[in-house]
Amino acid sequence: MKAAFKGPGPIYLYTKAFIAKSKSYEDDLRSLLSQYQPTRDFLELFRATKIGRYLPGERGVIDPASLERAAYKYYTVVAREALEDSLTGSAVTIYDAYQSIVTARDVEIIARAALQGREVRLEELIAPEAPQVFMARRAGEETGDPSRVLRAAGMKRAAEIVARRRSSELVTVAVDIEVLGKFVQAYEEASTLTAKKLLGNRVDILAARTSFTLASLAPETEIMEAYEAVLETHMLPKDKVIEAMRNKDRESLERIFTEHIPGRIPEGFNALDALVFGLRRENRRLAKHVFIREVLTPETAAGLLELLLLDTEDAIAMALSSYSGQPREILANMVSFQ
């Protein structure tokens, strides 16, 4: 659902976004990284962070799934309280793109559940009250058809893809394509250099992940064409990415990714992961600069939303790493701060 502008303009938006920037919990995450242990008990330390209020109340029941929900819930609440009554100009499209990540996550869970023939529990979802998520849940309960779930959520392109081949991998790809389309629109509407670079990096992250997955799945031509219709890139060479993907040539994709990684490739990381982690790290720096370089523009919304999203992704990375016993050296190269 498109957010509507209610506030008095860019000055109001900038002021609210600047104040809300203090709700980033990067400092909490830095402290957690310094205390990191590759054990499940490590997750209990998140209770002392800003997302602690959204974690389960009983000690010992935090797992990566519950921490993911808590992190995304915090992201959603802070973003809504800070921006929803102050959106104007390109900030409307930017907000919709970032909120689509949460909606897409919930809709994907519902579509996967339909594919598996089970019902979704409300506690699995971040925003069950959101109109798109509500409609998707109802379609899942009534039809058990993942393509109808996606269509009910307004994801027409994703619905057509899943209707052609019912697989959990394609559900993920189809939903990612919808999110990519939202970010491409925000990227194209952005007018300031810093925001355009920041949004462009998000476009490249989504494009790289989706292209690599499609090259592995080798889906029907119609599915490839549906993806190419929405695909845009920022720094990645679009034509070369499409050619490698169509040829199912993952080695060529890896070479393309390697050529565009900001910084070095950490030991033990493949080209795709190194690209994603490098762009995320660059985006944390850019998101902070938005508040300095793009003062009093609608695109300060991108700075706030990117900071909150990076916090969310870093918290999830920490949870998954500790739960699976990853060493600190690996995690330190995954997070978006240094």
C-alpha atoms as a PDB file:
ATOM      1  CA  MET A   1       0.000   0.000   0.000  1.00  0.00           C
ATOM      2  CA  LYS A   2       1.428   3.363  -1.041  1.00  0.00           C
ATOM      3  CA  ALA A   3       2.079   5.739   1.822  1.00  0.00           C
ATOM      4  CA  ALA A   4       0.434   9.137   1.490  1.00  0.00           C
ATOM      5  CA  PHE A   5       2.036  12.504   2.207  1.00  0.00           C
ATOM      6  CA  LYS A   6       0.518  14.227   5.225  1.00  0.00           C
ATOM      7  CA  GLY A   7       3.315  16.416   6.547  1.00  0.00           C
ATOM      8  CA  PRO A   8       4.393  19.982   5.717  1.00  0.00           C
ATOM      9  CA  GLY A   9       7.386  19.174   3.506  1.00  0.00           C
ATOM     10  CA  PRO A  10      11.113  18.334   3.284  1.00  0.00           C
ATOM     11  CA  ILE A  11      12.116  20.386   6.347  1.00  0.00           C
ATOM     12  CA  TYR A  12       9.703  18.449   8.552  1.00  0.00           C
ATOM     13  CA  LEU A  13      10.824  15.141   7.019  1.00  0.00           C
ATOM     14  CA  TYR A  14      14.511  15.950   7.493  1.00  0.00           C
ATOM     15  CA  THR A  15      13.972  16.940  11.126  1.00  0.00           C
ATOM     16  CA  LYS A  16      12.081  13.750  11.947  1.00  0.00           C
ATOM     17  CA  ALA A  17      14.556  11.538  10.088  1.00  0.00           C
ATOM     18  CA  PHE A  18      17.524  13.227  11.769  1.00  0.00           C
ATOM     19  CA  ILE A  19      16.013  12.712  15.223  1.00  0.00           C
ATOM     20  CA  ALA A  20      15.093   9.097  14.436  1.00  0.00           C
ATOM     21  CA  LYS A  21      18.688   8.408  13.362  1.00  0.00           C
ATOM     22  CA  SER A  22      19.491   8.106  17.066  1.00  0.00           C
ATOM     23  CA  LYS A  23      17.354   4.954  17.110  1.00  0.00           C
ATOM     24  CA  SER A  24      19.937   3.096  15.072  1.00  0.00           C
ATOM     25  CA  TYR A  25      21.545   0.489  17.330  1.00  0.00           C
ATOM     26  CA  GLU A  26      24.919   0.291  15.615  1.00  0.00           C
ATOM     27  CA  ASP A  27      26.627   0.962  18.965  1.00  0.00           C
ATOM     28  CA  ASP A  28      24.770  -1.992  20.503  1.00  0.00           C
ATOM     29  CA  LEU A  29      25.922  -4.186  17.631  1.00  0.00           C
ATOM     30  CA  ARG A  30      29.533  -3.054  17.971  1.00  0.00           C
ATOM     31  CA  SER A  31      29.424  -3.943  21.651  1.00  0.00           C
ATOM     32  CA  LEU A  32      27.906  -7.336  20.871  1.00  0.00           C
ATOM     33  CA  LEU A  33      30.589  -8.067  18.294  1.00  0.00           C
ATOM     34  CA  SER A  34      33.272  -7.360  20.901  1.00  0.00           C
ATOM     35  CA  GLN A  35      31.548  -9.870  23.234  1.00  0.00           C
ATOM     36  CA  TYR A  36      30.715 -12.372  20.494  1.00  0.00           C
ATOM     37  CA  GLN A  37      30.805 -16.076  21.268  1.00  0.00           C
ATOM     38  CA  PRO A  38      29.823 -18.788  18.764  1.00  0.00           C
ATOM     39  CA  THR A  39      27.245 -20.223  21.158  1.00  0.00           C
ATOM     40  CA  ARG A  40      23.470 -20.151  21.375  1.00  0.00           C
ATOM     41  CA  ASP A  41      23.612 -18.419  24.758  1.00  0.00           C
ATOM     42  CA  PHE A  42      25.099 -15.364  23.029  1.00  0.00           C
ATOM     43  CA  LEU A  43      21.624 -14.426  21.760  1.00  0.00           C
ATOM     44  CA  GLU A  44      20.547 -13.577  25.305  1.00  0.00           C
ATOM     45  CA  LEU A  45      22.755 -10.472  25.111  1.00  0.00           C
ATOM     46  CA  PHE A  46      20.325  -8.973  22.593  1.00  0.00           C
ATOM     47  CA  ARG A  47      17.861  -8.414  25.451  1.00  0.00           C
ATOM     48  CA  ALA A  48      19.901  -5.364  26.473  1.00  0.00           C
ATOM     49  CA  THR A  49      19.683  -3.778  22.998  1.00  0.00           C
ATOM     50  CA  LYS A  50      17.003  -1.571  21.479  1.00  0.00           C
ATOM     51  CA  ILE A  51      15.269  -4.590  19.947  1.00  0.00           C
ATOM     52  CA  GLY A  52      15.063  -6.330  23.328  1.00  0.00           C
ATOM     53  CA  ARG A  53      11.441  -5.309  23.912  1.00  0.00           C
ATOM     54  CA  TYR A  54      10.372  -7.364  20.883  1.00  0.00           C
ATOM     55  CA  LEU A  55      12.126 -10.570  21.951  1.00  0.00           C
ATOM     56  CA  PRO A  56      10.306 -13.444  23.705  1.00  0.00           C
ATOM     57  CA  GLY A  57       9.973 -12.861  27.430  1.00  0.00           C
ATOM     58  CA  GLU A  58      11.208 -16.203  28.732  1.00  0.00           C
ATOM     59  CA  ARG A  59      14.958 -16.689  29.103  1.00  0.00           C
ATOM     60  CA  GLY A  60      16.434 -19.321  26.840  1.00  0.00           C
ATOM     61  CA  VAL A  61      13.882 -19.183  24.013  1.00  0.00           C
ATOM     62  CA  ILE A  62      15.673 -16.780  21.679  1.00  0.00           C
ATOM     63  CA  ASP A  63      16.623 -18.387  18.389  1.00  0.00           C
ATOM     64  CA  PRO A  64      17.526 -16.831  15.012  1.00  0.00           C
ATOM     65  CA  ALA A  65      13.888 -16.843  13.887  1.00  0.00           C
ATOM     66  CA  SER A  66      12.591 -14.961  16.930  1.00  0.00           C
ATOM     67  CA  LEU A  67      15.493 -12.521  16.751  1.00  0.00           C
ATOM     68  CA  GLU A  68      14.821 -11.911  13.058  1.00  0.00           C
ATOM     69  CA  ARG A  69      11.193 -11.076  13.849  1.00  0.00           C
ATOM     70  CA  ALA A  70      12.234  -8.755  16.680  1.00  0.00           C
ATOM     71  CA  ALA A  71      14.755  -6.936  14.485  1.00  0.00           C
ATOM     72  CA  TYR A  72      12.292  -6.467  11.630  1.00  0.00           C
ATOM     73  CA  LYS A  73       9.542  -5.393  14.028  1.00  0.00           C
ATOM     74  CA  TYR A  74      11.788  -2.681  15.449  1.00  0.00           C
ATOM     75  CA  TYR A  75      12.739  -1.605  11.926  1.00  0.00           C
ATOM     76  CA  THR A  76       9.085  -1.370  10.902  1.00  0.00           C
ATOM     77  CA  VAL A  77       7.905   0.508  13.995  1.00  0.00           C
ATOM     78  CA  VAL A  78      10.729   3.072  13.998  1.00  0.00           C
ATOM     79  CA  ALA A  79      10.397   3.708  10.256  1.00  0.00           C
ATOM     80  CA  ARG A  80       6.639   4.167  10.493  1.00  0.00           C
ATOM     81  CA  GLU A  81       6.756   6.459  13.525  1.00  0.00           C
ATOM     82  CA  ALA A  82       9.529   8.578  12.023  1.00  0.00           C
ATOM     83  CA  LEU A  83       8.374   8.942   8.447  1.00  0.00           C
ATOM     84  CA  GLU A  84       4.819   7.932   7.692  1.00  0.00           C
ATOM     85  CA  ASP A  85       3.329  11.354   8.463  1.00  0.00           C
ATOM     86  CA  SER A  86       6.100  13.315   6.741  1.00  0.00           C
ATOM     87  CA  LEU A  87       6.611  11.716   3.336  1.00  0.00           C
ATOM     88  CA  THR A  88       6.884  13.957   0.321  1.00  0.00           C
ATOM     89  CA  GLY A  89       8.299  13.744  -3.193  1.00  0.00           C
ATOM     90  CA  SER A  90      10.723  10.889  -3.834  1.00  0.00           C
ATOM     91  CA  ALA A  91      10.549   9.900  -0.152  1.00  0.00           C
ATOM     92  CA  VAL A  92       7.198   8.210  -0.840  1.00  0.00           C
ATOM     93  CA  THR A  93       8.754   5.793  -3.331  1.00  0.00           C
ATOM     94  CA  ILE A  94      11.830   5.283  -1.147  1.00  0.00           C
ATOM     95  CA  TYR A  95       9.686   4.426   1.874  1.00  0.00           C
ATOM     96  CA  ASP A  96       7.599   1.978  -0.158  1.00  0.00           C
ATOM     97  CA  ALA A  97      10.750   0.236  -1.405  1.00  0.00           C
ATOM     98  CA  TYR A  98      12.174  -0.271   2.079  1.00  0.00           C
ATOM     99  CA  GLN A  99       8.851  -1.352   3.551  1.00  0.00           C
ATOM    100  CA  SER A 100       8.406  -3.843   0.705  1.00  0.00           C
ATOM    101  CA  ILE A 101      11.240  -5.878   2.228  1.00  0.00           C
ATOM    102  CA  VAL A 102       9.114  -6.642   5.294  1.00  0.00           C
ATOM    103  CA  THR A 103       5.936  -7.224   3.297  1.00  0.00           C
ATOM    104  CA  ALA A 104       7.788  -9.510   0.898  1.00  0.00           C
ATOM    105  CA  ARG A 105       9.207 -11.538   3.779  1.00  0.00           C
ATOM    106  CA  ASP A 106       5.749 -12.177   5.214  1.00  0.00           C
ATOM    107  CA  VAL A 107       4.158 -12.908   1.845  1.00  0.00           C
ATOM    108  CA  GLU A 108       6.964 -15.316   0.979  1.00  0.00           C
ATOM    109  CA  ILE A 109       6.378 -17.216   4.235  1.00  0.00           C
ATOM    110  CA  ILE A 110       2.669 -17.469   3.419  1.00  0.00           C
ATOM    111  CA  ALA A 111       3.339 -18.617  -0.165  1.00  0.00           C
ATOM    112  CA  ARG A 112       5.854 -21.215   1.002  1.00  0.00           C
ATOM    113  CA  ALA A 113       3.368 -22.485   3.571  1.00  0.00           C
ATOM    114  CA  ALA A 114       0.744 -22.852   0.827  1.00  0.00           C
ATOM    115  CA  LEU A 115       3.267 -24.819  -1.211  1.00  0.00           C
ATOM    116  CA  GLN A 116       3.851 -27.094   1.784  1.00  0.00           C
ATOM    117  CA  GLY A 117       0.143 -27.469   2.527  1.00  0.00           C
ATOM    118  CA  ARG A 118       0.255 -25.913   5.983  1.00  0.00           C
ATOM    119  CA  GLU A 119      -1.268 -22.868   7.651  1.00  0.00           C
ATOM    120  CA  VAL A 120       0.831 -19.915   8.752  1.00  0.00           C
ATOM    121  CA  ARG A 121       0.902 -19.017  12.427  1.00  0.00           C
ATOM    122  CA  LEU A 122       0.515 -15.314  13.196  1.00  0.00           C
ATOM    123  CA  GLU A 123       3.666 -15.326  15.296  1.00  0.00           C
ATOM    124  CA  GLU A 124       5.686 -16.196  12.179  1.00  0.00           C
ATOM    125  CA  LEU A 125       4.842 -12.835  10.609  1.00  0.00           C
ATOM    126  CA  ILE A 126       6.211  -9.337  11.154  1.00  0.00           C
ATOM    127  CA  ALA A 127       3.194  -7.328  10.003  1.00  0.00           C
ATOM    128  CA  PRO A 128       0.107  -9.576   9.795  1.00  0.00           C
ATOM    129  CA  GLU A 129      -2.086  -6.459   9.956  1.00  0.00           C
ATOM    130  CA  ALA A 130      -0.638  -5.013   6.725  1.00  0.00           C
ATOM    131  CA  PRO A 131      -3.264  -5.125   3.928  1.00  0.00           C
ATOM    132  CA  GLN A 132      -1.070  -7.079   1.497  1.00  0.00           C
ATOM    133  CA  VAL A 133      -0.158  -9.627   4.146  1.00  0.00           C
ATOM    134  CA  PHE A 134      -3.768  -9.960   5.294  1.00  0.00           C
ATOM    135  CA  MET A 135      -4.959 -10.584   1.733  1.00  0.00           C
ATOM    136  CA  ALA A 136      -2.175 -13.109   1.163  1.00  0.00           C
ATOM    137  CA  ARG A 137      -3.113 -14.994   4.341  1.00  0.00           C
ATOM    138  CA  ARG A 138      -6.741 -15.144   3.309  1.00  0.00           C
ATOM    139  CA  ALA A 139      -5.842 -16.441  -0.160  1.00  0.00           C
ATOM    140  CA  GLY A 140      -3.584 -19.061   1.383  1.00  0.00           C
ATOM    141  CA  GLU A 141      -6.339 -20.268   3.703  1.00  0.00           C
ATOM    142  CA  GLU A 142      -8.943 -20.325   0.936  1.00  0.00           C
ATOM    143  CA  THR A 143      -6.951 -21.784  -1.960  1.00  0.00           C
ATOM    144  CA  GLY A 144      -3.641 -23.222  -0.769  1.00  0.00           C
ATOM    145  CA  ASP A 145      -2.208 -21.968  -4.070  1.00  0.00           C
ATOM    146  CA  PRO A 146       1.088 -20.025  -3.785  1.00  0.00           C
ATOM    147  CA  SER A 147       0.519 -18.148  -7.044  1.00  0.00           C
ATOM    148  CA  ARG A 148      -2.861 -16.932  -5.779  1.00  0.00           C
ATOM    149  CA  VAL A 149      -1.252 -15.908  -2.511  1.00  0.00           C
ATOM    150  CA  LEU A 150       1.185 -13.728  -4.431  1.00  0.00           C
ATOM    151  CA  ARG A 151      -1.512 -12.301  -6.674  1.00  0.00           C
ATOM    152  CA  ALA A 152      -3.673 -11.433  -3.655  1.00  0.00           C
ATOM    153  CA  ALA A 153      -0.715  -9.505  -2.237  1.00  0.00           C
ATOM    154  CA  GLY A 154      -0.496  -7.464  -5.433  1.00  0.00           C
ATOM    155  CA  MET A 155       2.596  -9.300  -6.678  1.00  0.00           C
ATOM    156  CA  LYS A 156       1.338 -10.034 -10.171  1.00  0.00           C
ATOM    157  CA  ARG A 157       4.743 -10.674 -11.742  1.00  0.00           C
ATOM    158  CA  ALA A 158       5.718 -13.045  -8.933  1.00  0.00           C
ATOM    159  CA  ALA A 159       2.394 -14.863  -9.238  1.00  0.00           C
ATOM    160  CA  GLU A 160       2.955 -15.514 -12.942  1.00  0.00           C
ATOM    161  CA  ILE A 161       6.442 -16.888 -12.271  1.00  0.00           C
ATOM    162  CA  VAL A 162       5.296 -19.295  -9.556  1.00  0.00           C
ATOM    163  CA  ALA A 163       2.312 -20.391 -11.653  1.00  0.00           C
ATOM    164  CA  ARG A 164       4.785 -21.689 -14.246  1.00  0.00           C
ATOM    165  CA  ARG A 165       6.824 -23.754 -11.811  1.00  0.00           C
ATOM    166  CA  ARG A 166       5.884 -24.520  -8.219  1.00  0.00           C
ATOM    167  CA  SER A 167       9.091 -24.608  -6.201  1.00  0.00           C
ATOM    168  CA  SER A 168      10.231 -22.997  -2.979  1.00  0.00           C
ATOM    169  CA  GLU A 169      13.350 -21.605  -4.678  1.00  0.00           C
ATOM    170  CA  LEU A 170      11.259 -19.852  -7.316  1.00  0.00           C
ATOM    171  CA  VAL A 171       8.941 -18.415  -4.670  1.00  0.00           C
ATOM    172  CA  THR A 172      11.968 -16.670  -3.165  1.00  0.00           C
ATOM    173  CA  VAL A 173      13.204 -15.489  -6.563  1.00  0.00           C
ATOM    174  CA  ALA A 174       9.751 -14.266  -7.583  1.00  0.00           C
ATOM    175  CA  VAL A 175       9.353 -12.219  -4.407  1.00  0.00           C
ATOM    176  CA  ASP A 176      12.880 -10.825  -4.731  1.00  0.00           C
ATOM    177  CA  ILE A 177      12.030  -9.664  -8.252  1.00  0.00           C
ATOM    178  CA  GLU A 178       9.085  -7.700  -6.854  1.00  0.00           C
ATOM    179  CA  VAL A 179      11.325  -6.036  -4.267  1.00  0.00           C
ATOM    180  CA  LEU A 180      13.935  -5.306  -6.927  1.00  0.00           C
ATOM    181  CA  GLY A 181      11.271  -3.543  -8.983  1.00  0.00           C
ATOM    182  CA  LYS A 182      10.445  -1.289  -6.020  1.00  0.00           C
ATOM    183  CA  PHE A 183      14.083  -0.348  -5.494  1.00  0.00           C
ATOM    184  CA  VAL A 184      14.655   0.256  -9.195  1.00  0.00           C
ATOM    185  CA  GLN A 185      11.768   2.736  -9.126  1.00  0.00           C
ATOM    186  CA  ALA A 186      13.187   4.491  -6.046  1.00  0.00           C
ATOM    187  CA  TYR A 187      16.652   4.559  -7.624  1.00  0.00           C
ATOM    188  CA  GLU A 188      15.340   6.084 -10.838  1.00  0.00           C
ATOM    189  CA  GLU A 189      13.378   8.770  -8.970  1.00  0.00           C
ATOM    190  CA  ALA A 190      16.263   9.753  -6.681  1.00  0.00           C
ATOM    191  CA  SER A 191      17.864  13.054  -7.655  1.00  0.00           C
ATOM    192  CA  THR A 192      20.672  13.528  -5.127  1.00  0.00           C
ATOM    193  CA  LEU A 193      24.024  11.847  -5.724  1.00  0.00           C
ATOM    194  CA  THR A 194      24.411  10.218  -2.311  1.00  0.00           C
ATOM    195  CA  ALA A 195      20.901   8.779  -2.208  1.00  0.00           C
ATOM    196  CA  LYS A 196      21.194   7.541  -5.793  1.00  0.00           C
ATOM    197  CA  LYS A 197      24.444   5.736  -4.982  1.00  0.00           C
ATOM    198  CA  LEU A 198      22.956   4.243  -1.810  1.00  0.00           C
ATOM    199  CA  LEU A 199      19.803   3.020  -3.570  1.00  0.00           C
ATOM    200  CA  GLY A 200      21.880   1.858  -6.532  1.00  0.00           C
ATOM    201  CA  ASN A 201      23.922  -0.366  -4.242  1.00  0.00           C
ATOM    202  CA  ARG A 202      20.694  -1.936  -2.963  1.00  0.00           C
ATOM    203  CA  VAL A 203      19.614  -2.525  -6.570  1.00  0.00           C
ATOM    204  CA  ASP A 204      22.942  -4.234  -7.311  1.00  0.00           C
ATOM    205  CA  ILE A 205      22.665  -6.429  -4.200  1.00  0.00           C
ATOM    206  CA  LEU A 206      19.215  -7.636  -5.230  1.00  0.00           C
ATOM    207  CA  ALA A 207      20.189  -8.020  -8.892  1.00  0.00           C
ATOM    208  CA  ALA A 208      23.329 -10.013  -8.073  1.00  0.00           C
ATOM    209  CA  ARG A 209      21.560 -12.418  -5.725  1.00  0.00           C
ATOM    210  CA  THR A 210      18.622 -12.993  -8.033  1.00  0.00           C
ATOM    211  CA  SER A 211      20.743 -13.403 -11.166  1.00  0.00           C
ATOM    212  CA  PHE A 212      23.001 -15.949  -9.485  1.00  0.00           C
ATOM    213  CA  THR A 213      20.025 -17.950  -8.213  1.00  0.00           C
ATOM    214  CA  LEU A 214      18.347 -17.965 -11.628  1.00  0.00           C
ATOM    215  CA  ALA A 215      21.574 -19.095 -13.290  1.00  0.00           C
ATOM    216  CA  SER A 216      21.578 -22.032 -10.864  1.00  0.00           C
ATOM    217  CA  LEU A 217      17.891 -22.914 -11.270  1.00  0.00           C
ATOM    218  CA  ALA A 218      17.856 -22.631 -15.089  1.00  0.00           C
ATOM    219  CA  PRO A 219      14.120 -21.803 -15.283  1.00  0.00           C
ATOM    220  CA  GLU A 220      11.930 -21.471 -18.349  1.00  0.00           C
ATOM    221  CA  THR A 221      12.574 -18.693 -20.864  1.00  0.00           C
ATOM    222  CA  GLU A 222       9.386 -16.895 -19.814  1.00  0.00           C
ATOM    223  CA  ILE A 223      10.651 -16.650 -16.235  1.00  0.00           C
ATOM    224  CA  MET A 224      13.982 -15.251 -17.387  1.00  0.00           C
ATOM    225  CA  GLU A 225      12.141 -12.696 -19.522  1.00  0.00           C
ATOM    226  CA  ALA A 226       9.964 -11.652 -16.580  1.00  0.00           C
ATOM    227  CA  TYR A 227      13.108 -10.964 -14.585  1.00  0.00           C
ATOM    228  CA  GLU A 228      14.862  -9.128 -17.396  1.00  0.00           C
ATOM    229  CA  ALA A 229      11.814  -6.871 -17.775  1.00  0.00           C
ATOM    230  CA  VAL A 230      12.393  -5.424 -14.307  1.00  0.00           C
ATOM    231  CA  LEU A 231      16.177  -5.791 -14.055  1.00  0.00           C
ATOM    232  CA  GLU A 232      18.253  -2.648 -13.780  1.00  0.00           C
ATOM    233  CA  THR A 233      21.689  -2.235 -12.266  1.00  0.00           C
ATOM    234  CA  HIS A 234      23.816   0.574 -10.889  1.00  0.00           C
ATOM    235  CA  MET A 235      27.491  -0.387 -11.194  1.00  0.00           C
ATOM    236  CA  LEU A 236      27.057  -3.966 -12.409  1.00  0.00           C
ATOM    237  CA  PRO A 237      27.054  -4.292 -16.231  1.00  0.00           C
ATOM    238  CA  LYS A 238      23.442  -5.208 -16.972  1.00  0.00           C
ATOM    239  CA  ASP A 239      24.008  -6.748 -20.427  1.00  0.00           C
ATOM    240  CA  LYS A 240      26.855  -8.952 -19.212  1.00  0.00           C
ATOM    241  CA  VAL A 241      24.816 -10.086 -16.205  1.00  0.00           C
ATOM    242  CA  ILE A 242      21.898 -11.047 -18.455  1.00  0.00           C
ATOM    243  CA  GLU A 243      24.150 -12.892 -20.903  1.00  0.00           C
ATOM    244  CA  ALA A 244      25.843 -14.912 -18.160  1.00  0.00           C
ATOM    245  CA  MET A 245      22.521 -15.670 -16.507  1.00  0.00           C
ATOM    246  CA  ARG A 246      20.924 -16.841 -19.763  1.00  0.00           C
ATOM    247  CA  ASN A 247      23.935 -19.085 -20.404  1.00  0.00           C
ATOM    248  CA  LYS A 248      23.675 -20.450 -16.849  1.00  0.00           C
ATOM    249  CA  ASP A 249      27.300 -19.367 -16.495  1.00  0.00           C
ATOM    250  CA  ARG A 250      27.870 -18.832 -12.795  1.00  0.00           C
ATOM    251  CA  GLU A 251      31.629 -18.539 -13.265  1.00  0.00           C
ATOM    252  CA  SER A 252      31.141 -15.509 -15.518  1.00  0.00           C
ATOM    253  CA  LEU A 253      28.774 -13.992 -12.970  1.00  0.00           C
ATOM    254  CA  GLU A 254      31.386 -14.493 -10.266  1.00  0.00           C
ATOM    255  CA  ARG A 255      33.995 -12.722 -12.407  1.00  0.00           C
ATOM    256  CA  ILE A 256      31.593  -9.822 -12.935  1.00  0.00           C
ATOM    257  CA  PHE A 257      30.922  -9.604  -9.207  1.00  0.00           C
ATOM    258  CA  THR A 258      34.644  -9.771  -8.400  1.00  0.00           C
ATOM    259  CA  GLU A 259      35.355  -6.810 -10.684  1.00  0.00           C
ATOM    260  CA  HIS A 260      32.857  -4.656  -8.764  1.00  0.00           C
ATOM    261  CA  ILE A 261      33.584  -5.576  -5.154  1.00  0.00           C
ATOM    262  CA  PRO A 262      34.433  -2.458  -3.110  1.00  0.00           C
ATOM    263  CA  GLY A 263      37.620  -3.446  -1.320  1.00  0.00           C
ATOM    264  CA  ARG A 264      39.170  -6.862  -0.972  1.00  0.00           C
ATOM    265  CA  ILE A 265      37.580 -10.315  -0.954  1.00  0.00           C
ATOM    266  CA  PRO A 266      37.780 -11.675   2.608  1.00  0.00           C
ATOM    267  CA  GLU A 267      39.311 -15.124   2.927  1.00  0.00           C
ATOM    268  CA  GLY A 268      36.682 -17.852   2.778  1.00  0.00           C
ATOM    269  CA  PHE A 269      34.033 -15.753   0.990  1.00  0.00           C
ATOM    270  CA  ASN A 270      32.731 -16.309  -2.519  1.00  0.00           C
ATOM    271  CA  ALA A 271      32.388 -13.431  -4.978  1.00  0.00           C
ATOM    272  CA  LEU A 272      28.643 -12.944  -4.441  1.00  0.00           C
ATOM    273  CA  ASP A 273      28.908 -12.741  -0.661  1.00  0.00           C
ATOM    274  CA  ALA A 274      31.952 -10.469  -0.858  1.00  0.00           C
ATOM    275  CA  LEU A 275      30.069  -8.138  -3.209  1.00  0.00           C
ATOM    276  CA  VAL A 276      27.004  -8.013  -0.955  1.00  0.00           C
ATOM    277  CA  PHE A 277      28.990  -7.442   2.236  1.00  0.00           C
ATOM    278  CA  GLY A 278      31.161  -4.817   0.545  1.00  0.00           C
ATOM    279  CA  LEU A 279      28.165  -2.872  -0.769  1.00  0.00           C
ATOM    280  CA  ARG A 280      26.433  -3.040   2.603  1.00  0.00           C
ATOM    281  CA  ARG A 281      29.527  -1.630   4.313  1.00  0.00           C
ATOM    282  CA  GLU A 282      29.700   1.149   1.745  1.00  0.00           C
ATOM    283  CA  ASN A 283      26.009   1.856   2.311  1.00  0.00           C
ATOM    284  CA  ARG A 284      26.425   2.406   6.038  1.00  0.00           C
ATOM    285  CA  ARG A 285      28.919   5.142   5.262  1.00  0.00           C
ATOM    286  CA  LEU A 286      26.669   6.622   2.564  1.00  0.00           C
ATOM    287  CA  ALA A 287      23.579   6.508   4.784  1.00  0.00           C
ATOM    288  CA  LYS A 288      25.326   8.659   7.386  1.00  0.00           C
ATOM    289  CA  HIS A 289      26.534  11.078   4.727  1.00  0.00           C
ATOM    290  CA  VAL A 290      22.989  11.616   3.429  1.00  0.00           C
ATOM    291  CA  PHE A 291      22.218  13.658   6.546  1.00  0.00           C
ATOM    292  CA  ILE A 292      25.208  15.912   5.824  1.00  0.00           C
ATOM    293  CA  ARG A 293      25.233  16.137   2.043  1.00  0.00           C
ATOM    294  CA  GLU A 294      21.512  16.056   1.240  1.00  0.00           C
ATOM    295  CA  VAL A 295      20.199  18.333   3.988  1.00  0.00           C
ATOM    296  CA  LEU A 296      16.513  19.273   3.762  1.00  0.00           C
ATOM    297  CA  THR A 297      15.762  16.949   0.832  1.00  0.00           C
ATOM    298  CA  PRO A 298      13.134  14.178   0.781  1.00  0.00           C
ATOM    299  CA  GLU A 299      15.928  11.683   0.200  1.00  0.00           C
ATOM    300  CA  THR A 300      17.143  11.886   3.785  1.00  0.00           C
ATOM    301  CA  ALA A 301      14.496   9.170   4.190  1.00  0.00           C
ATOM    302  CA  ALA A 302      16.861   6.818   2.345  1.00  0.00           C
ATOM    303  CA  GLY A 303      19.610   7.497   4.875  1.00  0.00           C
ATOM    304  CA  LEU A 304      17.424   6.653   7.855  1.00  0.00           C
ATOM    305  CA  LEU A 305      15.817   3.583   6.285  1.00  0.00           C
ATOM    306  CA  GLU A 306      19.144   2.192   5.106  1.00  0.00           C
ATOM    307  CA  LEU A 307      20.695   2.584   8.570  1.00  0.00           C
ATOM    308  CA  LEU A 308      17.754   0.774  10.159  1.00  0.00           C
ATOM    309  CA  LEU A 309      17.846  -1.990   7.549  1.00  0.00           C
ATOM    310  CA  LEU A 310      21.595  -2.484   7.956  1.00  0.00           C
ATOM    311  CA  ASP A 311      21.118  -2.788  11.725  1.00  0.00           C
ATOM    312  CA  THR A 312      18.435  -5.402  11.097  1.00  0.00           C
ATOM    313  CA  GLU A 313      20.573  -7.411   8.699  1.00  0.00           C
ATOM    314  CA  ASP A 314      23.612  -7.228  10.992  1.00  0.00           C
ATOM    315  CA  ALA A 315      21.599  -8.430  13.990  1.00  0.00           C
ATOM    316  CA  ILE A 316      20.298 -11.377  11.966  1.00  0.00           C
ATOM    317  CA  ALA A 317      23.823 -12.196  10.743  1.00  0.00           C
ATOM    318  CA  MET A 318      25.042 -12.231  14.352  1.00  0.00           C
ATOM    319  CA  ALA A 319      22.208 -14.516  15.421  1.00  0.00           C
ATOM    320  CA  LEU A 320      22.758 -16.993  12.608  1.00  0.00           C
ATOM    321  CA  SER A 321      26.526 -16.963  13.111  1.00  0.00           C
ATOM    322  CA  SER A 322      26.381 -17.618  16.846  1.00  0.00           C
ATOM    323  CA  TYR A 323      23.736 -20.317  16.428  1.00  0.00           C
ATOM    324  CA  SER A 324      25.793 -22.136  13.781  1.00  0.00           C
ATOM    325  CA  GLY A 325      29.128 -21.718  15.574  1.00  0.00           C
ATOM    326  CA  GLN A 326      30.804 -19.366  13.088  1.00  0.00           C
ATOM    327  CA  PRO A 327      34.076 -17.850  14.336  1.00  0.00           C
ATOM    328  CA  ARG A 328      34.227 -14.134  15.087  1.00  0.00           C
ATOM    329  CA  GLU A 329      36.638 -13.515  12.192  1.00  0.00           C
ATOM    330  CA  ILE A 330      33.995 -14.600   9.680  1.00  0.00           C
ATOM    331  CA  LEU A 331      31.223 -12.549  11.301  1.00  0.00           C
ATOM    332  CA  ALA A 332      33.423  -9.436  11.427  1.00  0.00           C
ATOM    333  CA  ASN A 333      33.620  -9.508   7.620  1.00  0.00           C
ATOM    334  CA  MET A 334      29.848  -9.943   7.265  1.00  0.00           C
ATOM    335  CA  VAL A 335      28.601  -6.967   9.268  1.00  0.00           C
ATOM    336  CA  SER A 336      28.292  -3.498   7.747  1.00  0.00           C
ATOM    337  CA  PHE A 337      30.422  -1.668  10.319  1.00  0.00           C
ATOM    338  CA  GLN A 338      34.160  -1.800  10.979  1.00  0.00           C
END
